[in-house]
Amino acid sequence: KCGLVLVDPDQRLVLDGVVLPPSRITSQLKSWSKQGGLRLILLGNGTSSEKLNLTLQRLASVEIVEERGTTLRARERYWQLWPARGWRQLLPRGMRVPPGELDALAALVMVEDHLGHRCRWPQPRPDFKSVPEP
């Protein structure tokens, strides 16, 4: 699976975020491109980045970024964006487990590192369920 986020860097705003199987990445990026164009694609330097890089270069400029540690940071970022409520706020942060997949938030962490600032993610909290292969 792969997390994708579409960010307006000028407004510091997340426009969309999804968790998809690798086979659906290109179609999702093409869809976003049709909605307003992609200036830059940040690609984590993980396992499949080399193969994916060649495909993505057809859509926009691609920059490879460090992805080590982003999943753990995504967990923390989740609670910053959507603070725990009710009895969950009584749990120590390390024991709180966000619902769903965090790959889109890991992508956001990489974008925020690249931009040098945080982005807002409008409410309500997205349902970070992984989309199955077609």
Protein backbone atom coordinates (compact mmCIF):
# COMPACT_ATOMS: atom_id res chain seq x y z
CA LYS A 1 0.00 0.00 0.00
CA CYS A 2 1.00 3.59 -0.55
CA GLY A 3 -0.15 6.84 1.01
CA LEU A 4 -0.79 9.86 -1.17
CA VAL A 5 -1.64 13.42 -0.22
CA LEU A 6 -2.52 16.34 -2.44
CA VAL A 7 -1.37 19.58 -0.87
CA ASP A 8 -1.78 23.22 -1.84
CA PRO A 9 1.58 24.52 -0.59
CA ASP A 10 0.58 28.20 -0.88
CA GLN A 11 -2.43 27.74 1.38
CA ARG A 12 -0.67 25.12 3.52
CA LEU A 13 -3.72 22.94 3.05
CA VAL A 14 -4.24 19.23 2.44
CA LEU A 15 -6.79 18.87 -0.36
CA ASP A 16 -7.03 15.08 -0.37
CA GLY A 17 -5.39 11.99 1.09
CA VAL A 18 -5.73 8.30 0.27
CA VAL A 19 -4.13 4.91 0.89
CA LEU A 20 -3.95 2.84 -2.29
CA PRO A 21 -2.35 -0.30 -3.66
CA PRO A 22 0.65 0.45 -5.92
CA SER A 23 -1.35 -0.46 -9.02
CA ARG A 24 -3.68 2.53 -8.43
CA ILE A 25 -1.09 5.24 -7.72
CA THR A 26 -0.71 6.45 -11.30
CA SER A 27 -4.46 6.66 -11.95
CA GLN A 28 -5.00 8.65 -8.73
CA LEU A 29 -2.21 11.09 -9.59
CA LYS A 30 -3.62 11.51 -13.12
CA SER A 31 -7.01 12.29 -11.61
CA TRP A 32 -5.52 14.93 -9.31
CA SER A 33 -3.52 16.33 -12.22
CA LYS A 34 -6.71 16.85 -14.24
CA GLN A 35 -8.21 18.77 -11.32
CA GLY A 36 -5.49 21.40 -11.31
CA GLY A 37 -2.12 20.07 -12.26
CA LEU A 38 0.72 18.67 -10.27
CA ARG A 39 3.82 20.80 -9.85
CA LEU A 40 5.90 18.31 -7.94
CA ILE A 41 5.64 14.73 -6.74
CA LEU A 42 7.57 13.83 -3.61
CA LEU A 43 8.46 10.15 -3.59
CA GLY A 44 9.72 8.35 -0.50
CA ASN A 45 13.00 6.52 -1.01
CA GLY A 46 11.56 3.14 0.05
CA THR A 47 11.60 -0.25 -1.59
CA SER A 48 9.75 0.43 -4.83
CA SER A 49 10.77 4.06 -5.37
CA GLU A 50 13.19 3.44 -8.26
CA LYS A 51 10.63 1.63 -10.39
CA LEU A 52 7.86 4.09 -9.53
CA ASN A 53 10.06 7.12 -10.16
CA LEU A 54 10.26 6.41 -13.92
CA THR A 55 6.48 6.17 -14.20
CA LEU A 56 5.79 9.29 -12.15
CA GLN A 57 8.23 11.45 -14.10
CA ARG A 58 5.72 11.36 -16.96
CA LEU A 59 3.22 13.22 -14.76
CA ALA A 60 5.36 15.88 -13.04
CA SER A 61 8.79 16.59 -11.63
CA VAL A 62 9.74 13.99 -9.04
CA GLU A 63 11.91 14.54 -6.00
CA ILE A 64 13.07 11.61 -3.88
CA VAL A 65 12.81 12.28 -0.13
CA GLU A 66 13.77 10.36 3.01
CA GLU A 67 10.94 8.25 4.36
CA ARG A 68 12.65 6.50 7.25
CA GLY A 69 10.76 7.04 10.50
CA THR A 70 7.73 8.64 8.88
CA THR A 71 5.27 5.99 10.02
CA LEU A 72 6.07 6.66 13.68
CA ARG A 73 5.93 10.39 13.07
CA ALA A 74 2.61 9.95 11.26
CA ARG A 75 1.13 8.44 14.40
CA GLU A 76 2.07 11.53 16.40
CA ARG A 77 0.87 13.84 13.62
CA TYR A 78 -2.50 12.08 13.61
CA TRP A 79 -3.12 13.06 17.22
CA GLN A 80 -1.99 16.64 16.55
CA LEU A 81 -4.51 16.97 13.71
CA TRP A 82 -7.33 15.09 15.41
CA PRO A 83 -6.85 15.17 19.20
CA ALA A 84 -8.20 12.29 21.23
CA ARG A 85 -11.63 12.83 22.73
CA GLY A 86 -13.55 11.31 25.57
CA TRP A 87 -11.88 8.50 27.51
CA ARG A 88 -9.14 8.17 24.83
CA GLN A 89 -7.59 11.44 25.94
CA LEU A 90 -6.89 9.82 29.32
CA LEU A 91 -4.58 7.26 27.67
CA PRO A 92 -0.88 8.09 27.45
CA ARG A 93 0.00 9.15 23.87
CA GLY A 94 2.16 6.09 23.33
CA MET A 95 -0.81 3.81 23.99
CA ARG A 96 -3.18 5.59 21.60
CA VAL A 97 -3.56 3.78 18.30
CA PRO A 98 -5.02 5.79 15.42
CA PRO A 99 -7.77 4.03 13.48
CA GLY A 100 -6.97 2.93 9.94
CA GLU A 101 -3.88 3.17 7.79
CA LEU A 102 -1.33 5.92 8.42
CA ASP A 103 0.39 5.91 5.03
CA ALA A 104 -1.33 9.12 3.89
CA LEU A 105 -0.16 10.84 7.06
CA ALA A 106 3.36 9.51 6.50
CA ALA A 107 3.18 11.15 3.08
CA LEU A 108 2.04 14.36 4.76
CA VAL A 109 5.01 14.24 7.14
CA MET A 110 7.34 14.02 4.12
CA VAL A 111 5.58 16.96 2.44
CA GLU A 112 5.77 19.05 5.61
CA ASP A 113 9.49 18.28 5.95
CA HIS A 114 10.00 19.36 2.35
CA LEU A 115 7.98 22.57 2.73
CA GLY A 116 9.43 23.41 6.14
CA HIS A 117 6.02 24.04 7.69
CA ARG A 118 2.89 22.26 8.84
CA CYS A 119 -0.27 21.94 6.76
CA ARG A 120 -3.89 22.02 7.84
CA TRP A 121 -6.10 19.03 7.09
CA PRO A 122 -9.75 20.13 7.01
CA GLN A 123 -12.29 18.37 9.14
CA PRO A 124 -13.80 15.84 9.34
CA ARG A 125 -11.12 13.24 9.86
CA PRO A 126 -10.75 11.07 6.75
CA ASP A 127 -11.40 7.36 6.89
CA PHE A 128 -7.91 5.96 6.32
CA LYS A 129 -8.95 2.57 5.06
CA SER A 130 -6.74 0.90 2.50
CA VAL A 131 -8.40 0.56 -0.91
CA PRO A 132 -8.12 -3.02 -2.20
CA GLU A 133 -6.71 -4.05 -5.56
CA PRO A 134 -9.31 -3.84 -8.33
